[in-house]
Amino acid sequence: MEIKEALRSLLQEMILPEFEQMRSEHAVLGERLNSVDKRLADINMHLVEQSRRIDETNKRIDTVRDELVTMVGETNKRIDRLYEVIVRREEHVVVKADLGNLERRVEELERRVAA
């Protein structure tokens, strides 16, 4: 029995310290794993928040784009009306000049007929 006890004692002296070291390393690794897991959860929450903010920004961009499209459409309508007014004014000037020429020709013809 003494050999058995001696062998057991020897094995305990050799193996138990290594088991204790492995247990402490296991505990450290567990703590690290928990720490990494918490950091990943924090990063995930941050990414979700960033995604939400990006979605809100995209909605604001879409709203501004719609407003700008409306404003450009209104501006184009105003430009079209202004063009029509300018064309009418130019036509008015031309018609006025033509009318002046016609009045002179009528006066000239009336003078010829009277003479």
C-alpha atoms as a PDB file:
ATOM      1  CA  MET A   1       0.000   0.000   0.000  1.00  0.00           C
ATOM      2  CA  GLU A   2       2.853   2.276   0.644  1.00  0.00           C
ATOM      3  CA  ILE A   3       3.839   2.069  -3.006  1.00  0.00           C
ATOM      4  CA  LYS A   4       0.310   2.932  -3.998  1.00  0.00           C
ATOM      5  CA  GLU A   5       0.259   5.904  -1.615  1.00  0.00           C
ATOM      6  CA  ALA A   6       3.707   6.987  -2.758  1.00  0.00           C
ATOM      7  CA  LEU A   7       2.646   6.745  -6.392  1.00  0.00           C
ATOM      8  CA  ARG A   8      -0.551   8.662  -5.648  1.00  0.00           C
ATOM      9  CA  SER A   9       1.388  11.292  -3.743  1.00  0.00           C
ATOM     10  CA  LEU A  10       3.886  11.601  -6.600  1.00  0.00           C
ATOM     11  CA  LEU A  11       1.137  11.942  -9.205  1.00  0.00           C
ATOM     12  CA  GLN A  12      -0.669  14.522  -7.090  1.00  0.00           C
ATOM     13  CA  GLU A  13       2.496  16.536  -6.699  1.00  0.00           C
ATOM     14  CA  MET A  14       3.106  16.470 -10.466  1.00  0.00           C
ATOM     15  CA  ILE A  15      -0.413  16.776 -11.829  1.00  0.00           C
ATOM     16  CA  LEU A  16      -2.300  18.895  -9.277  1.00  0.00           C
ATOM     17  CA  PRO A  17      -0.157  22.033  -9.778  1.00  0.00           C
ATOM     18  CA  GLU A  18      -0.727  21.765 -13.517  1.00  0.00           C
ATOM     19  CA  PHE A  19      -4.466  21.337 -12.942  1.00  0.00           C
ATOM     20  CA  GLU A  20      -4.467  24.429 -10.738  1.00  0.00           C
ATOM     21  CA  GLN A  21      -2.573  26.351 -13.404  1.00  0.00           C
ATOM     22  CA  MET A  22      -5.021  25.132 -16.050  1.00  0.00           C
ATOM     23  CA  ARG A  23      -7.961  26.164 -13.858  1.00  0.00           C
ATOM     24  CA  SER A  24      -6.558  29.654 -13.341  1.00  0.00           C
ATOM     25  CA  GLU A  25      -5.827  29.984 -17.073  1.00  0.00           C
ATOM     26  CA  HIS A  26      -9.347  28.740 -17.788  1.00  0.00           C
ATOM     27  CA  ALA A  27     -10.743  31.399 -15.441  1.00  0.00           C
ATOM     28  CA  VAL A  28      -8.653  34.102 -17.152  1.00  0.00           C
ATOM     29  CA  LEU A  29      -9.801  32.907 -20.575  1.00  0.00           C
ATOM     30  CA  GLY A  30     -13.402  32.914 -19.350  1.00  0.00           C
ATOM     31  CA  GLU A  31     -13.009  36.519 -18.182  1.00  0.00           C
ATOM     32  CA  ARG A  32     -11.458  37.490 -21.504  1.00  0.00           C
ATOM     33  CA  LEU A  33     -14.236  35.757 -23.393  1.00  0.00           C
ATOM     34  CA  ASN A  34     -16.849  37.605 -21.334  1.00  0.00           C
ATOM     35  CA  SER A  35     -15.026  40.875 -21.943  1.00  0.00           C
ATOM     36  CA  VAL A  36     -14.848  40.258 -25.692  1.00  0.00           C
ATOM     37  CA  ASP A  37     -18.511  39.226 -25.711  1.00  0.00           C
ATOM     38  CA  LYS A  38     -19.478  42.470 -23.943  1.00  0.00           C
ATOM     39  CA  ARG A  39     -17.404  44.523 -26.379  1.00  0.00           C
ATOM     40  CA  LEU A  40     -19.050  42.775 -29.322  1.00  0.00           C
ATOM     41  CA  ALA A  41     -22.472  43.500 -27.843  1.00  0.00           C
ATOM     42  CA  ASP A  42     -21.499  47.175 -27.416  1.00  0.00           C
ATOM     43  CA  ILE A  43     -20.215  47.332 -30.988  1.00  0.00           C
ATOM     44  CA  ASN A  44     -23.412  45.714 -32.226  1.00  0.00           C
ATOM     45  CA  MET A  45     -25.507  48.296 -30.348  1.00  0.00           C
ATOM     46  CA  HIS A  46     -23.361  51.058 -31.817  1.00  0.00           C
ATOM     47  CA  LEU A  47     -23.825  49.663 -35.330  1.00  0.00           C
ATOM     48  CA  VAL A  48     -27.584  49.460 -34.841  1.00  0.00           C
ATOM     49  CA  GLU A  49     -27.604  53.104 -33.715  1.00  0.00           C
ATOM     50  CA  GLN A  50     -25.456  54.136 -36.676  1.00  0.00           C
ATOM     51  CA  SER A  51     -27.778  52.274 -39.025  1.00  0.00           C
ATOM     52  CA  ARG A  52     -30.778  54.079 -37.536  1.00  0.00           C
ATOM     53  CA  ARG A  53     -29.048  57.440 -37.908  1.00  0.00           C
ATOM     54  CA  ILE A  54     -28.118  56.645 -41.515  1.00  0.00           C
ATOM     55  CA  ASP A  55     -31.752  55.755 -42.237  1.00  0.00           C
ATOM     56  CA  GLU A  56     -32.907  59.049 -40.711  1.00  0.00           C
ATOM     57  CA  THR A  57     -30.327  60.961 -42.746  1.00  0.00           C
ATOM     58  CA  ASN A  58     -31.444  59.193 -45.920  1.00  0.00           C
ATOM     59  CA  LYS A  59     -35.057  60.144 -45.173  1.00  0.00           C
ATOM     60  CA  ARG A  60     -34.035  63.779 -44.705  1.00  0.00           C
ATOM     61  CA  ILE A  61     -32.052  63.665 -47.950  1.00  0.00           C
ATOM     62  CA  ASP A  62     -35.083  62.228 -49.770  1.00  0.00           C
ATOM     63  CA  THR A  63     -37.291  64.974 -48.325  1.00  0.00           C
ATOM     64  CA  VAL A  64     -34.850  67.702 -49.358  1.00  0.00           C
ATOM     65  CA  ARG A  65     -34.517  66.150 -52.824  1.00  0.00           C
ATOM     66  CA  ASP A  66     -38.304  66.130 -53.232  1.00  0.00           C
ATOM     67  CA  GLU A  67     -38.474  69.758 -52.127  1.00  0.00           C
ATOM     68  CA  LEU A  68     -35.713  70.701 -54.569  1.00  0.00           C
ATOM     69  CA  VAL A  69     -37.424  68.864 -57.432  1.00  0.00           C
ATOM     70  CA  THR A  70     -40.615  70.789 -56.652  1.00  0.00           C
ATOM     71  CA  MET A  71     -38.721  74.075 -56.488  1.00  0.00           C
ATOM     72  CA  VAL A  72     -36.940  73.365 -59.784  1.00  0.00           C
ATOM     73  CA  GLY A  73     -40.288  72.550 -61.397  1.00  0.00           C
ATOM     74  CA  GLU A  74     -41.789  75.807 -60.146  1.00  0.00           C
ATOM     75  CA  THR A  75     -38.723  77.747 -61.294  1.00  0.00           C
ATOM     76  CA  ASN A  76     -38.956  76.155 -64.738  1.00  0.00           C
ATOM     77  CA  LYS A  77     -42.625  77.192 -64.956  1.00  0.00           C
ATOM     78  CA  ARG A  78     -41.658  80.756 -64.063  1.00  0.00           C
ATOM     79  CA  ILE A  79     -38.898  80.732 -66.665  1.00  0.00           C
ATOM     80  CA  ASP A  80     -41.359  79.443 -69.271  1.00  0.00           C
ATOM     81  CA  ARG A  81     -43.824  82.236 -68.414  1.00  0.00           C
ATOM     82  CA  LEU A  82     -41.027  84.798 -68.514  1.00  0.00           C
ATOM     83  CA  TYR A  83     -39.979  83.494 -71.919  1.00  0.00           C
ATOM     84  CA  GLU A  84     -43.553  83.833 -73.158  1.00  0.00           C
ATOM     85  CA  VAL A  85     -43.687  87.417 -71.879  1.00  0.00           C
ATOM     86  CA  ILE A  86     -40.341  88.239 -73.495  1.00  0.00           C
ATOM     87  CA  VAL A  87     -41.427  86.700 -76.795  1.00  0.00           C
ATOM     88  CA  ARG A  88     -44.687  88.662 -76.654  1.00  0.00           C
ATOM     89  CA  ARG A  89     -42.759  91.873 -75.987  1.00  0.00           C
ATOM     90  CA  GLU A  90     -40.430  91.168 -78.892  1.00  0.00           C
ATOM     91  CA  GLU A  91     -43.422  90.383 -81.091  1.00  0.00           C
ATOM     92  CA  HIS A  92     -45.083  93.571 -79.836  1.00  0.00           C
ATOM     93  CA  VAL A  93     -42.032  95.614 -80.822  1.00  0.00           C
ATOM     94  CA  VAL A  94     -41.996  93.967 -84.253  1.00  0.00           C
ATOM     95  CA  VAL A  95     -45.745  94.479 -84.704  1.00  0.00           C
ATOM     96  CA  LYS A  96     -45.407  98.097 -83.598  1.00  0.00           C
ATOM     97  CA  ALA A  97     -42.591  98.653 -86.104  1.00  0.00           C
ATOM     98  CA  ASP A  98     -44.645  96.952 -88.838  1.00  0.00           C
ATOM     99  CA  LEU A  99     -47.647  99.117 -87.908  1.00  0.00           C
ATOM    100  CA  GLY A 100     -45.502 102.247 -88.124  1.00  0.00           C
ATOM    101  CA  ASN A 101     -44.251 101.160 -91.553  1.00  0.00           C
ATOM    102  CA  LEU A 102     -47.797 100.432 -92.710  1.00  0.00           C
ATOM    103  CA  GLU A 103     -49.036 103.813 -91.462  1.00  0.00           C
ATOM    104  CA  ARG A 104     -46.256 105.554 -93.405  1.00  0.00           C
ATOM    105  CA  ARG A 105     -47.100 103.592 -96.528  1.00  0.00           C
ATOM    106  CA  VAL A 106     -50.781 104.461 -96.142  1.00  0.00           C
ATOM    107  CA  GLU A 107     -49.904 108.140 -95.737  1.00  0.00           C
ATOM    108  CA  GLU A 108     -47.670 107.922 -98.793  1.00  0.00           C
ATOM    109  CA  LEU A 109     -50.415 106.229-100.801  1.00  0.00           C
ATOM    110  CA  GLU A 110     -52.954 108.811 -99.637  1.00  0.00           C
ATOM    111  CA  ARG A 111     -50.605 111.588-100.803  1.00  0.00           C
ATOM    112  CA  ARG A 112     -50.230 109.930-104.181  1.00  0.00           C
ATOM    113  CA  VAL A 113     -53.965 109.526-104.547  1.00  0.00           C
ATOM    114  CA  ALA A 114     -54.540 113.131-103.511  1.00  0.00           C
ATOM    115  CA  ALA A 115     -51.989 114.413-105.997  1.00  0.00           C
END
